[in-house]
Amino acid sequence: MSAGLVEHRGVIRRIQDGRAVVAMDTGGCRSCGHGASCGIGKIAGDRPATLLSLQSSPGLKVGDIVAVTLSERRLNRSALFGYLMPAVGMLVGAWVGQALVGSDGASAVGACLGLCGALFVGRLGFERLPDLSAEPRMTPVAGQPLNSSMLSTESRHDHY
C-alpha cells in the first residue's frame, strides 16, 4: 500500500455497462495502523460484504481480485466539501433570516433555505469539478488471499 492511499481488497462480482460491481469486506482498511482497534472496522465488523459499483477497466473479469484505492487527499477534500458546505450554508441562512426579519421562525426558514442552497451548489461542484470527486480506482491483484466473507453474504452500497 502506498503512502497517502486508503486501500481495500475486493472481488469482482459482475460487470455490466462498463461498471464493475466489487464485493469488499467491511472490516476496515487498517491503513492508519490501528489494525484490529479500528473504530470503523468495529462498527462494520459484523456486517456482510459491501458492494461498490466502479468504473471498469479493460481486461478485468468476474472473479478477479482487485485493490480498490482512494487518495486520502481526495477523500478529505471531498468530505470537507460535502460536510462543511451544507453546515456553513445552514448557518449563513439562519443568520440572514435573523438579520432580515428578526424572529426564530425566519432563522429556521433561512437555515432550511441555506442548507438546500448549499446542497444544490455542492451537487453542482461535485459534477463540474472532477478533483472533488472521490471515485476509487481498481487495480488487479494476483495471488492475494481474500476474506471468505466477501464471497458469501453482502449488503448493497453502490457508488455512483
N, C-alpha and C. Protein backbone atom coordinates (compact mmCIF):
# COMPACT_ATOMS: atom_id res chain seq x y z
N MET A 1 0.84 -1.17 0.00
CA MET A 1 0.00 0.00 0.00
C MET A 1 0.88 1.23 0.00
N SER A 2 0.58 2.19 -0.85
CA SER A 2 1.34 3.42 -0.95
C SER A 2 0.92 4.40 0.13
N ALA A 3 1.86 5.27 0.49
CA ALA A 3 1.54 6.31 1.46
C ALA A 3 0.53 7.26 0.85
N GLY A 4 -0.44 7.65 1.65
CA GLY A 4 -1.46 8.58 1.17
C GLY A 4 -2.63 7.93 0.46
N LEU A 5 -2.70 6.60 0.50
CA LEU A 5 -3.80 5.89 -0.14
C LEU A 5 -4.52 5.02 0.88
N VAL A 6 -5.84 4.98 0.76
CA VAL A 6 -6.64 4.03 1.51
C VAL A 6 -6.91 2.89 0.55
N GLU A 7 -6.61 1.66 0.99
CA GLU A 7 -6.74 0.52 0.09
C GLU A 7 -7.55 -0.60 0.73
N HIS A 8 -8.42 -1.19 -0.06
CA HIS A 8 -9.20 -2.37 0.33
C HIS A 8 -9.09 -3.40 -0.78
N ARG A 9 -9.15 -4.66 -0.42
CA ARG A 9 -9.18 -5.73 -1.41
C ARG A 9 -10.62 -6.13 -1.65
N GLY A 10 -10.91 -6.54 -2.86
CA GLY A 10 -12.25 -6.98 -3.20
C GLY A 10 -12.23 -7.96 -4.35
N VAL A 11 -13.39 -8.50 -4.64
CA VAL A 11 -13.52 -9.43 -5.75
C VAL A 11 -14.65 -8.93 -6.66
N ILE A 12 -14.42 -8.98 -7.96
CA ILE A 12 -15.42 -8.51 -8.91
C ILE A 12 -16.54 -9.54 -8.99
N ARG A 13 -17.75 -9.10 -8.71
CA ARG A 13 -18.92 -9.99 -8.73
C ARG A 13 -19.61 -9.99 -10.08
N ARG A 14 -19.68 -8.83 -10.74
CA ARG A 14 -20.27 -8.77 -12.08
C ARG A 14 -19.79 -7.50 -12.77
N ILE A 15 -19.86 -7.53 -14.10
CA ILE A 15 -19.50 -6.38 -14.92
C ILE A 15 -20.62 -6.16 -15.92
N GLN A 16 -21.15 -4.94 -15.94
CA GLN A 16 -22.17 -4.61 -16.93
C GLN A 16 -22.15 -3.11 -17.19
N ASP A 17 -22.38 -2.74 -18.43
CA ASP A 17 -22.44 -1.35 -18.87
C ASP A 17 -21.19 -0.57 -18.47
N GLY A 18 -20.02 -1.20 -18.55
CA GLY A 18 -18.78 -0.50 -18.26
C GLY A 18 -18.49 -0.29 -16.78
N ARG A 19 -19.30 -0.89 -15.90
CA ARG A 19 -19.10 -0.75 -14.46
C ARG A 19 -18.92 -2.13 -13.85
N ALA A 20 -18.00 -2.23 -12.91
CA ALA A 20 -17.75 -3.48 -12.21
C ALA A 20 -18.33 -3.38 -10.80
N VAL A 21 -19.05 -4.38 -10.39
CA VAL A 21 -19.57 -4.46 -9.02
C VAL A 21 -18.57 -5.28 -8.23
N VAL A 22 -17.97 -4.64 -7.22
CA VAL A 22 -16.91 -5.25 -6.42
C VAL A 22 -17.41 -5.51 -5.01
N ALA A 23 -17.27 -6.75 -4.53
CA ALA A 23 -17.63 -7.10 -3.16
C ALA A 23 -16.40 -6.89 -2.29
N MET A 24 -16.58 -6.11 -1.22
CA MET A 24 -15.47 -5.79 -0.33
C MET A 24 -15.83 -6.14 1.10
N ASP A 25 -14.84 -6.59 1.85
CA ASP A 25 -15.03 -6.89 3.26
C ASP A 25 -15.27 -5.58 4.01
N THR A 26 -16.07 -5.62 5.06
CA THR A 26 -16.39 -4.40 5.80
C THR A 26 -15.58 -4.27 7.09
N GLY A 27 -14.46 -4.94 7.20
CA GLY A 27 -13.68 -4.94 8.43
C GLY A 27 -12.82 -3.71 8.66
N GLY A 28 -12.85 -2.70 7.83
CA GLY A 28 -12.00 -1.52 7.99
C GLY A 28 -10.75 -1.67 7.14
N CYS A 29 -10.11 -0.58 6.83
CA CYS A 29 -8.98 -0.61 5.90
C CYS A 29 -7.65 -0.88 6.59
N ARG A 30 -7.53 -0.57 7.86
CA ARG A 30 -6.31 -0.73 8.63
C ARG A 30 -5.14 0.05 8.05
N SER A 31 -5.41 1.09 7.26
CA SER A 31 -4.34 1.86 6.65
C SER A 31 -3.69 2.83 7.62
N CYS A 32 -4.35 3.13 8.73
CA CYS A 32 -3.80 4.10 9.66
C CYS A 32 -2.96 3.47 10.75
N GLY A 33 -2.82 2.15 10.76
CA GLY A 33 -2.00 1.48 11.76
C GLY A 33 -2.75 1.05 13.00
N HIS A 34 -4.05 1.31 13.08
CA HIS A 34 -4.81 0.90 14.25
C HIS A 34 -5.20 -0.57 14.21
N GLY A 35 -5.15 -1.17 13.01
CA GLY A 35 -5.41 -2.59 12.86
C GLY A 35 -6.73 -3.03 13.47
N ALA A 36 -6.67 -3.97 14.40
CA ALA A 36 -7.88 -4.55 14.99
C ALA A 36 -8.65 -3.57 15.86
N SER A 37 -8.02 -2.46 16.26
CA SER A 37 -8.73 -1.50 17.10
C SER A 37 -9.37 -0.37 16.29
N CYS A 38 -9.45 -0.54 14.98
CA CYS A 38 -10.06 0.47 14.11
C CYS A 38 -11.54 0.66 14.47
N GLY A 39 -11.93 1.90 14.75
CA GLY A 39 -13.32 2.17 15.12
C GLY A 39 -14.29 1.86 14.00
N ILE A 40 -13.97 2.25 12.79
CA ILE A 40 -14.84 1.97 11.66
C ILE A 40 -14.93 0.46 11.44
N GLY A 41 -13.81 -0.24 11.58
CA GLY A 41 -13.82 -1.69 11.43
C GLY A 41 -14.69 -2.37 12.47
N LYS A 42 -14.68 -1.85 13.70
CA LYS A 42 -15.51 -2.44 14.75
C LYS A 42 -16.98 -2.18 14.48
N ILE A 43 -17.31 -1.00 14.00
CA ILE A 43 -18.70 -0.67 13.70
C ILE A 43 -19.22 -1.57 12.58
N ALA A 44 -18.41 -1.77 11.55
CA ALA A 44 -18.85 -2.53 10.38
C ALA A 44 -18.50 -4.01 10.46
N GLY A 45 -17.78 -4.42 11.50
CA GLY A 45 -17.24 -5.77 11.58
C GLY A 45 -18.22 -6.90 11.42
N ASP A 46 -19.40 -6.80 11.96
CA ASP A 46 -20.36 -7.90 11.87
C ASP A 46 -21.27 -7.79 10.66
N ARG A 47 -21.08 -6.80 9.85
CA ARG A 47 -21.92 -6.63 8.66
C ARG A 47 -21.37 -7.46 7.52
N PRO A 48 -22.23 -7.81 6.59
CA PRO A 48 -21.76 -8.58 5.42
C PRO A 48 -20.93 -7.69 4.49
N ALA A 49 -20.40 -8.30 3.46
CA ALA A 49 -19.59 -7.57 2.49
C ALA A 49 -20.39 -6.45 1.85
N THR A 50 -19.69 -5.42 1.43
CA THR A 50 -20.29 -4.26 0.79
C THR A 50 -20.03 -4.30 -0.70
N LEU A 51 -21.00 -3.90 -1.50
CA LEU A 51 -20.84 -3.84 -2.95
C LEU A 51 -20.60 -2.41 -3.39
N LEU A 52 -19.57 -2.21 -4.21
CA LEU A 52 -19.30 -0.91 -4.81
C LEU A 52 -19.41 -1.06 -6.32
N SER A 53 -20.02 -0.08 -6.96
CA SER A 53 -20.10 -0.06 -8.41
C SER A 53 -19.08 0.97 -8.90
N LEU A 54 -18.04 0.49 -9.59
CA LEU A 54 -16.93 1.35 -10.02
C LEU A 54 -16.72 1.22 -11.52
N GLN A 55 -16.09 2.24 -12.09
CA GLN A 55 -15.74 2.22 -13.50
C GLN A 55 -14.81 1.04 -13.76
N SER A 56 -15.16 0.19 -14.72
CA SER A 56 -14.37 -1.00 -15.03
C SER A 56 -13.23 -0.66 -15.99
N SER A 57 -12.18 -1.43 -15.89
CA SER A 57 -11.04 -1.29 -16.80
C SER A 57 -11.04 -2.46 -17.77
N PRO A 58 -10.50 -2.26 -18.97
CA PRO A 58 -10.42 -3.38 -19.92
C PRO A 58 -9.58 -4.51 -19.35
N GLY A 59 -9.99 -5.72 -19.61
CA GLY A 59 -9.24 -6.88 -19.16
C GLY A 59 -9.69 -7.46 -17.83
N LEU A 60 -10.48 -6.73 -17.07
CA LEU A 60 -10.99 -7.27 -15.81
C LEU A 60 -12.16 -8.20 -16.09
N LYS A 61 -12.28 -9.25 -15.28
CA LYS A 61 -13.38 -10.19 -15.45
C LYS A 61 -13.93 -10.59 -14.09
N VAL A 62 -15.10 -11.20 -14.11
CA VAL A 62 -15.76 -11.65 -12.88
C VAL A 62 -14.84 -12.63 -12.17
N GLY A 63 -14.70 -12.45 -10.86
CA GLY A 63 -13.86 -13.31 -10.05
C GLY A 63 -12.46 -12.77 -9.81
N ASP A 64 -12.06 -11.73 -10.55
CA ASP A 64 -10.74 -11.14 -10.35
C ASP A 64 -10.65 -10.46 -8.99
N ILE A 65 -9.50 -10.60 -8.35
CA ILE A 65 -9.23 -9.90 -7.10
C ILE A 65 -8.64 -8.55 -7.46
N VAL A 66 -9.18 -7.50 -6.87
CA VAL A 66 -8.73 -6.14 -7.17
C VAL A 66 -8.41 -5.40 -5.88
N ALA A 67 -7.51 -4.43 -6.00
CA ALA A 67 -7.25 -3.49 -4.92
C ALA A 67 -8.02 -2.22 -5.26
N VAL A 68 -8.90 -1.81 -4.38
CA VAL A 68 -9.67 -0.58 -4.57
C VAL A 68 -8.98 0.49 -3.74
N THR A 69 -8.44 1.49 -4.42
CA THR A 69 -7.66 2.52 -3.73
C THR A 69 -8.30 3.89 -3.91
N LEU A 70 -8.08 4.72 -2.92
CA LEU A 70 -8.58 6.09 -2.93
C LEU A 70 -7.55 6.97 -2.25
N SER A 71 -7.25 8.07 -2.87
CA SER A 71 -6.30 9.02 -2.31
C SER A 71 -6.87 9.64 -1.04
N GLU A 72 -6.08 9.62 0.04
CA GLU A 72 -6.53 10.25 1.29
C GLU A 72 -6.82 11.74 1.07
N ARG A 73 -6.01 12.37 0.26
CA ARG A 73 -6.19 13.80 -0.01
C ARG A 73 -7.53 14.07 -0.68
N ARG A 74 -7.86 13.26 -1.70
CA ARG A 74 -9.15 13.43 -2.38
C ARG A 74 -10.31 13.11 -1.46
N LEU A 75 -10.14 12.07 -0.64
CA LEU A 75 -11.19 11.70 0.31
C LEU A 75 -11.43 12.83 1.31
N ASN A 76 -10.37 13.40 1.83
CA ASN A 76 -10.50 14.51 2.79
C ASN A 76 -11.13 15.74 2.15
N ARG A 77 -10.69 16.06 0.93
CA ARG A 77 -11.24 17.22 0.22
C ARG A 77 -12.73 17.03 -0.08
N SER A 78 -13.08 15.83 -0.51
CA SER A 78 -14.47 15.54 -0.81
C SER A 78 -15.33 15.59 0.46
N ALA A 79 -14.84 15.02 1.54
CA ALA A 79 -15.59 15.04 2.80
C ALA A 79 -15.72 16.46 3.33
N LEU A 80 -14.65 17.24 3.26
CA LEU A 80 -14.70 18.62 3.73
C LEU A 80 -15.73 19.42 2.94
N PHE A 81 -15.69 19.27 1.63
CA PHE A 81 -16.64 19.99 0.78
C PHE A 81 -18.07 19.50 1.01
N GLY A 82 -18.23 18.19 1.12
CA GLY A 82 -19.56 17.60 1.25
C GLY A 82 -20.21 17.81 2.61
N TYR A 83 -19.42 17.90 3.67
CA TYR A 83 -19.98 18.07 5.02
C TYR A 83 -19.95 19.52 5.49
N LEU A 84 -18.88 20.23 5.18
CA LEU A 84 -18.74 21.59 5.69
C LEU A 84 -19.63 22.58 4.95
N MET A 85 -19.75 22.41 3.65
CA MET A 85 -20.54 23.36 2.86
C MET A 85 -22.01 23.41 3.30
N PRO A 86 -22.70 22.29 3.49
CA PRO A 86 -24.09 22.38 3.97
C PRO A 86 -24.20 23.00 5.36
N ALA A 87 -23.25 22.71 6.24
CA ALA A 87 -23.30 23.29 7.59
C ALA A 87 -23.12 24.80 7.54
N VAL A 88 -22.17 25.26 6.73
CA VAL A 88 -21.95 26.70 6.59
C VAL A 88 -23.16 27.35 5.94
N GLY A 89 -23.72 26.71 4.91
CA GLY A 89 -24.91 27.25 4.25
C GLY A 89 -26.07 27.39 5.21
N MET A 90 -26.25 26.43 6.09
CA MET A 90 -27.33 26.47 7.07
C MET A 90 -27.11 27.60 8.07
N LEU A 91 -25.88 27.76 8.53
CA LEU A 91 -25.58 28.85 9.48
C LEU A 91 -25.75 30.22 8.84
N VAL A 92 -25.27 30.37 7.63
CA VAL A 92 -25.42 31.66 6.93
C VAL A 92 -26.90 31.94 6.67
N GLY A 93 -27.65 30.94 6.25
CA GLY A 93 -29.09 31.12 6.02
C GLY A 93 -29.81 31.53 7.30
N ALA A 94 -29.47 30.89 8.43
CA ALA A 94 -30.09 31.26 9.70
C ALA A 94 -29.74 32.69 10.09
N TRP A 95 -28.50 33.08 9.87
CA TRP A 95 -28.06 34.44 10.20
C TRP A 95 -28.79 35.47 9.32
N VAL A 96 -28.92 35.18 8.03
CA VAL A 96 -29.62 36.09 7.13
C VAL A 96 -31.09 36.20 7.52
N GLY A 97 -31.73 35.09 7.82
CA GLY A 97 -33.13 35.12 8.25
C GLY A 97 -33.32 35.94 9.52
N GLN A 98 -32.41 35.78 10.46
CA GLN A 98 -32.48 36.54 11.71
C GLN A 98 -32.21 38.02 11.46
N ALA A 99 -31.24 38.33 10.59
CA ALA A 99 -30.90 39.73 10.32
C ALA A 99 -32.01 40.44 9.56
N LEU A 100 -32.67 39.76 8.64
CA LEU A 100 -33.70 40.42 7.83
C LEU A 100 -35.03 40.57 8.57
N VAL A 101 -35.46 39.53 9.29
CA VAL A 101 -36.78 39.54 9.91
C VAL A 101 -36.69 39.66 11.43
N GLY A 102 -35.71 39.02 12.01
CA GLY A 102 -35.53 39.13 13.45
C GLY A 102 -36.36 38.17 14.28
N SER A 103 -36.80 37.07 13.72
CA SER A 103 -37.58 36.11 14.51
C SER A 103 -36.97 34.71 14.40
N ASP A 104 -37.35 33.86 15.34
CA ASP A 104 -36.86 32.49 15.31
C ASP A 104 -37.37 31.74 14.08
N GLY A 105 -38.60 32.01 13.70
CA GLY A 105 -39.17 31.37 12.51
C GLY A 105 -38.38 31.73 11.26
N ALA A 106 -38.01 33.00 11.15
CA ALA A 106 -37.23 33.43 9.99
C ALA A 106 -35.85 32.78 9.99
N SER A 107 -35.28 32.61 11.17
CA SER A 107 -33.99 31.93 11.27
C SER A 107 -34.11 30.49 10.81
N ALA A 108 -35.19 29.81 11.22
CA ALA A 108 -35.40 28.42 10.82
C ALA A 108 -35.60 28.31 9.32
N VAL A 109 -36.41 29.19 8.75
CA VAL A 109 -36.63 29.17 7.30
C VAL A 109 -35.33 29.49 6.57
N GLY A 110 -34.60 30.47 7.06
CA GLY A 110 -33.31 30.82 6.47
C GLY A 110 -32.32 29.66 6.53
N ALA A 111 -32.31 28.94 7.66
CA ALA A 111 -31.42 27.79 7.79
C ALA A 111 -31.79 26.72 6.77
N CYS A 112 -33.07 26.45 6.61
CA CYS A 112 -33.52 25.45 5.63
C CYS A 112 -33.15 25.87 4.21
N LEU A 113 -33.37 27.13 3.88
CA LEU A 113 -33.03 27.61 2.54
C LEU A 113 -31.51 27.59 2.32
N GLY A 114 -30.76 27.97 3.35
CA GLY A 114 -29.30 27.93 3.25
C GLY A 114 -28.78 26.52 3.05
N LEU A 115 -29.37 25.57 3.76
CA LEU A 115 -28.98 24.17 3.62
C LEU A 115 -29.29 23.67 2.22
N CYS A 116 -30.50 23.94 1.74
CA CYS A 116 -30.88 23.50 0.39
C CYS A 116 -29.99 24.14 -0.67
N GLY A 117 -29.72 25.43 -0.53
CA GLY A 117 -28.84 26.11 -1.47
C GLY A 117 -27.44 25.53 -1.47
N ALA A 118 -26.91 25.25 -0.28
CA ALA A 118 -25.56 24.68 -0.19
C ALA A 118 -25.52 23.27 -0.77
N LEU A 119 -26.56 22.48 -0.55
CA LEU A 119 -26.61 21.14 -1.14
C LEU A 119 -26.66 21.21 -2.66
N PHE A 120 -27.43 22.17 -3.19
CA PHE A 120 -27.51 22.35 -4.64
C PHE A 120 -26.15 22.77 -5.22
N VAL A 121 -25.52 23.75 -4.59
CA VAL A 121 -24.20 24.21 -5.05
C VAL A 121 -23.18 23.08 -4.92
N GLY A 122 -23.26 22.33 -3.82
CA GLY A 122 -22.35 21.20 -3.64
C GLY A 122 -22.51 20.15 -4.71
N ARG A 123 -23.74 19.86 -5.06
CA ARG A 123 -24.01 18.88 -6.11
C ARG A 123 -23.42 19.34 -7.44
N LEU A 124 -23.60 20.62 -7.76
CA LEU A 124 -23.02 21.16 -8.98
C LEU A 124 -21.49 21.10 -8.93
N GLY A 125 -20.93 21.39 -7.76
CA GLY A 125 -19.48 21.36 -7.60
C GLY A 125 -18.92 19.97 -7.84
N PHE A 126 -19.56 18.94 -7.29
CA PHE A 126 -19.09 17.58 -7.49
C PHE A 126 -19.20 17.14 -8.94
N GLU A 127 -20.23 17.63 -9.64
CA GLU A 127 -20.41 17.27 -11.04
C GLU A 127 -19.42 17.99 -11.94
N ARG A 128 -19.12 19.25 -11.64
CA ARG A 128 -18.31 20.08 -12.53
C ARG A 128 -16.82 20.11 -12.19
N LEU A 129 -16.46 19.78 -10.96
CA LEU A 129 -15.06 19.81 -10.55
C LEU A 129 -14.59 18.38 -10.24
N PRO A 130 -13.95 17.73 -11.22
CA PRO A 130 -13.57 16.33 -11.03
C PRO A 130 -12.60 16.11 -9.87
N ASP A 131 -11.86 17.15 -9.48
CA ASP A 131 -10.90 16.99 -8.38
C ASP A 131 -11.60 16.81 -7.03
N LEU A 132 -12.89 17.19 -6.95
CA LEU A 132 -13.64 16.99 -5.71
C LEU A 132 -14.20 15.58 -5.60
N SER A 133 -14.32 14.90 -6.71
CA SER A 133 -14.89 13.56 -6.70
C SER A 133 -13.92 12.59 -6.04
N ALA A 134 -14.47 11.71 -5.23
CA ALA A 134 -13.64 10.73 -4.54
C ALA A 134 -13.87 9.34 -5.11
N GLU A 135 -13.91 9.23 -6.43
CA GLU A 135 -14.12 7.92 -7.08
C GLU A 135 -12.89 7.04 -6.89
N PRO A 136 -13.05 5.89 -6.26
CA PRO A 136 -11.92 4.97 -6.08
C PRO A 136 -11.46 4.38 -7.41
N ARG A 137 -10.23 3.87 -7.41
CA ARG A 137 -9.68 3.22 -8.59
C ARG A 137 -9.42 1.74 -8.28
N MET A 138 -9.58 0.90 -9.31
CA MET A 138 -9.34 -0.54 -9.15
C MET A 138 -8.08 -0.92 -9.90
N THR A 139 -7.28 -1.79 -9.27
CA THR A 139 -6.14 -2.39 -9.94
C THR A 139 -6.15 -3.88 -9.63
N PRO A 140 -5.86 -4.72 -10.62
CA PRO A 140 -5.87 -6.16 -10.39
C PRO A 140 -4.76 -6.57 -9.42
N VAL A 141 -5.03 -7.57 -8.59
CA VAL A 141 -4.06 -8.12 -7.64
C VAL A 141 -3.98 -9.61 -7.91
N ALA A 142 -2.79 -10.09 -8.17
CA ALA A 142 -2.62 -11.52 -8.48
C ALA A 142 -2.15 -12.28 -7.24
N GLY A 143 -2.80 -13.41 -6.98
CA GLY A 143 -2.35 -14.33 -5.95
C GLY A 143 -2.53 -13.89 -4.52
N GLN A 144 -3.41 -12.94 -4.24
CA GLN A 144 -3.64 -12.49 -2.88
C GLN A 144 -4.87 -13.18 -2.31
N PRO A 145 -4.79 -13.66 -1.06
CA PRO A 145 -5.97 -14.31 -0.46
C PRO A 145 -7.05 -13.30 -0.13
N LEU A 146 -8.29 -13.75 -0.19
CA LEU A 146 -9.43 -12.92 0.15
C LEU A 146 -10.08 -13.43 1.41
N ASN A 147 -10.74 -12.54 2.12
CA ASN A 147 -11.55 -12.93 3.27
C ASN A 147 -12.81 -13.61 2.73
N SER A 148 -13.17 -14.74 3.29
CA SER A 148 -14.30 -15.51 2.77
C SER A 148 -15.63 -14.78 2.92
N SER A 149 -15.72 -13.78 3.80
CA SER A 149 -17.00 -13.08 3.98
C SER A 149 -17.37 -12.27 2.75
N MET A 150 -16.40 -11.94 1.89
CA MET A 150 -16.70 -11.19 0.68
C MET A 150 -17.44 -12.05 -0.34
N LEU A 151 -17.29 -13.33 -0.21
CA LEU A 151 -17.87 -14.22 -1.20
C LEU A 151 -19.24 -14.73 -0.82
N SER A 152 -19.65 -14.54 0.42
CA SER A 152 -20.94 -15.08 0.86
C SER A 152 -22.00 -13.99 0.90
N THR A 153 -22.34 -13.51 2.09
CA THR A 153 -23.41 -12.52 2.22
C THR A 153 -22.91 -11.13 1.86
N GLU A 154 -23.82 -10.26 1.53
CA GLU A 154 -23.44 -8.92 1.12
C GLU A 154 -24.55 -7.93 1.38
N SER A 155 -24.17 -6.67 1.51
CA SER A 155 -25.16 -5.59 1.57
C SER A 155 -24.91 -4.70 0.37
N ARG A 156 -25.84 -3.88 0.03
CA ARG A 156 -25.73 -3.06 -1.16
C ARG A 156 -25.28 -1.66 -0.78
N HIS A 157 -24.22 -1.18 -1.43
CA HIS A 157 -23.67 0.14 -1.17
C HIS A 157 -23.08 0.66 -2.47
N ASP A 158 -23.90 0.95 -3.43
CA ASP A 158 -23.40 1.35 -4.74
C ASP A 158 -22.79 2.73 -4.67
N HIS A 159 -21.69 2.92 -5.39
CA HIS A 159 -21.02 4.22 -5.51
C HIS A 159 -21.20 4.69 -6.95
N TYR A 160 -21.86 5.81 -7.12
CA TYR A 160 -22.09 6.32 -8.48
C TYR A 160 -21.37 7.60 -8.69
